[in-house]
Amino acid sequence: MPQSLGRLVALIFGLWLALSGAVQAAPFEFAPAPQTDLNRVYRIDKATGEVAACQFQLKEGGVGVTVCFPPGEGAGAQAPSDYTLMPSRHEREGGIFRVNIRTGEMSICYVFDDKTVCTPQAK
């Protein structure tokens, strides 16, 4: 193969890798809490399983504030895998399931004492 053709193939392959990585580079997923009177949204890092939550709160005399609850006990990074959030259909449930799609393990995550916490992963 001529050297210029080899360079062109390498360039095209490199561009393909870069573009396919950019398409798959959505590292977070978001889902609302199932509780119908709670304006909380959970965020998960799809690769690490780290979970956090935010919600809106009224502010007297103002437009309101976004209050976020960082990862606390059990909500930090887990073993690298493929994680997602799954709300239950229970309308009074403020928590959400963290699901490891590769292993089938699940845990429940919820806000407790100004932190997002999760139970241990279980099958």
Protein backbone atom coordinates (compact mmCIF):
# COMPACT_ATOMS: atom_id res chain seq x y z
CA MET A 1 0.00 0.00 0.00
CA PRO A 2 1.47 3.39 -0.93
CA GLN A 3 2.52 5.53 2.04
CA SER A 4 0.01 8.31 1.26
CA LEU A 5 -2.88 5.79 1.14
CA GLY A 6 -1.76 4.33 4.48
CA ARG A 7 -1.77 7.81 6.01
CA LEU A 8 -5.25 8.46 4.61
CA VAL A 9 -6.58 5.18 6.07
CA ALA A 10 -4.98 6.01 9.44
CA LEU A 11 -6.49 9.51 9.35
CA ILE A 12 -9.97 8.20 8.51
CA PHE A 13 -9.73 5.56 11.26
CA GLY A 14 -8.59 8.19 13.77
CA LEU A 15 -11.48 10.49 12.84
CA TRP A 16 -13.92 7.60 13.15
CA LEU A 17 -12.62 6.77 16.64
CA ALA A 18 -12.82 10.41 17.72
CA LEU A 19 -16.35 10.84 16.41
CA SER A 20 -17.62 7.57 17.86
CA GLY A 21 -16.16 8.56 21.22
CA ALA A 22 -17.87 11.95 21.04
CA VAL A 23 -21.23 10.34 20.34
CA GLN A 24 -20.83 8.02 23.33
CA ALA A 25 -19.46 10.74 25.61
CA ALA A 26 -22.69 11.38 27.51
CA PRO A 27 -21.34 10.43 30.93
CA PHE A 28 -24.44 11.37 32.96
CA GLU A 29 -28.06 10.31 33.07
CA PHE A 30 -30.87 12.12 34.89
CA ALA A 31 -34.18 10.89 36.32
CA PRO A 32 -36.87 12.42 38.54
CA ALA A 33 -37.83 11.03 41.92
CA PRO A 34 -41.10 9.07 41.63
CA GLN A 35 -42.75 11.10 44.42
CA THR A 36 -45.32 13.25 42.62
CA ASP A 37 -45.06 16.24 44.97
CA LEU A 38 -41.24 16.34 45.10
CA ASN A 39 -39.30 18.34 42.52
CA ARG A 40 -36.06 16.34 42.93
CA VAL A 41 -33.91 15.09 40.05
CA TYR A 42 -31.20 12.46 40.47
CA ARG A 43 -27.98 12.35 38.44
CA ILE A 44 -25.80 9.29 37.89
CA ASP A 45 -22.36 8.96 36.36
CA LYS A 46 -23.04 6.07 33.99
CA ALA A 47 -19.48 4.68 34.22
CA THR A 48 -18.87 4.96 37.98
CA GLY A 49 -22.35 4.80 39.48
CA GLU A 50 -21.84 7.96 41.53
CA VAL A 51 -25.24 9.48 42.42
CA ALA A 52 -26.25 13.01 43.46
CA ALA A 53 -29.53 14.92 43.53
CA CYS A 54 -30.80 18.49 43.14
CA GLN A 55 -34.11 20.20 43.73
CA PHE A 56 -35.71 23.62 43.53
CA GLN A 57 -36.60 25.55 46.68
CA LEU A 58 -38.49 28.79 46.97
CA LYS A 59 -36.56 31.75 48.30
CA GLU A 60 -38.50 34.43 50.11
CA GLY A 61 -38.45 37.61 48.05
CA GLY A 62 -36.57 35.96 45.19
CA VAL A 63 -36.87 33.59 42.30
CA GLY A 64 -35.74 30.55 44.26
CA VAL A 65 -32.58 28.44 44.46
CA THR A 66 -31.31 25.13 43.23
CA VAL A 67 -30.23 23.00 46.19
CA CYS A 68 -27.95 20.05 45.45
CA PHE A 69 -27.14 17.07 47.64
CA PRO A 70 -23.65 15.67 46.92
CA PRO A 71 -22.81 11.97 47.15
CA GLY A 72 -22.66 10.66 50.70
CA GLU A 73 -22.44 7.16 52.14
CA GLY A 74 -22.74 4.50 49.43
CA ALA A 75 -23.46 7.06 46.68
CA GLY A 76 -19.85 7.57 45.64
CA ALA A 77 -18.09 5.86 42.78
CA GLN A 78 -18.59 2.11 42.52
CA ALA A 79 -16.66 -0.46 40.48
CA PRO A 80 -16.46 0.70 36.84
CA SER A 81 -19.45 -0.67 34.91
CA ASP A 82 -22.60 0.53 33.14
CA TYR A 83 -25.07 2.18 35.54
CA THR A 84 -28.51 3.69 35.11
CA LEU A 85 -31.30 5.16 37.25
CA MET A 86 -34.70 3.48 37.51
CA PRO A 87 -37.57 5.22 39.32
CA SER A 88 -40.20 3.00 40.90
CA ARG A 89 -43.90 3.57 40.22
CA HIS A 90 -44.58 4.29 43.88
CA GLU A 91 -45.94 7.85 43.86
CA ARG A 92 -44.77 8.57 47.45
CA GLU A 93 -41.20 7.27 46.95
CA GLY A 94 -38.51 9.95 47.16
CA GLY A 95 -35.67 7.56 46.32
CA ILE A 96 -34.56 5.93 43.11
CA PHE A 97 -32.91 2.64 42.12
CA ARG A 98 -29.28 2.64 40.96
CA VAL A 99 -28.94 -0.32 38.58
CA ASN A 100 -25.74 -1.94 37.35
CA ILE A 101 -26.80 -3.10 33.89
CA ARG A 102 -23.86 -5.51 33.50
CA THR A 103 -24.23 -7.36 36.83
CA GLY A 104 -27.92 -6.88 37.65
CA GLU A 105 -27.07 -5.40 41.05
CA MET A 106 -29.32 -2.69 42.46
CA SER A 107 -29.40 -0.28 45.36
CA ILE A 108 -31.79 2.43 46.52
CA CYS A 109 -30.54 6.02 46.62
CA TYR A 110 -32.23 8.87 48.47
CA VAL A 111 -31.48 12.16 50.22
CA PHE A 112 -30.62 11.93 53.93
CA ASP A 113 -29.10 14.72 56.07
CA ASP A 114 -28.20 16.95 53.09
CA LYS A 115 -26.39 14.13 51.25
CA THR A 116 -27.41 11.61 48.64
CA VAL A 117 -26.92 8.13 50.12
CA CYS A 118 -27.36 4.63 48.67
CA THR A 119 -27.88 1.20 50.18
CA PRO A 120 -25.27 -1.47 49.36
CA GLN A 121 -25.57 -3.05 45.90
CA ALA A 122 -27.48 -6.35 45.97
CA LYS A 123 -28.80 -8.90 43.46
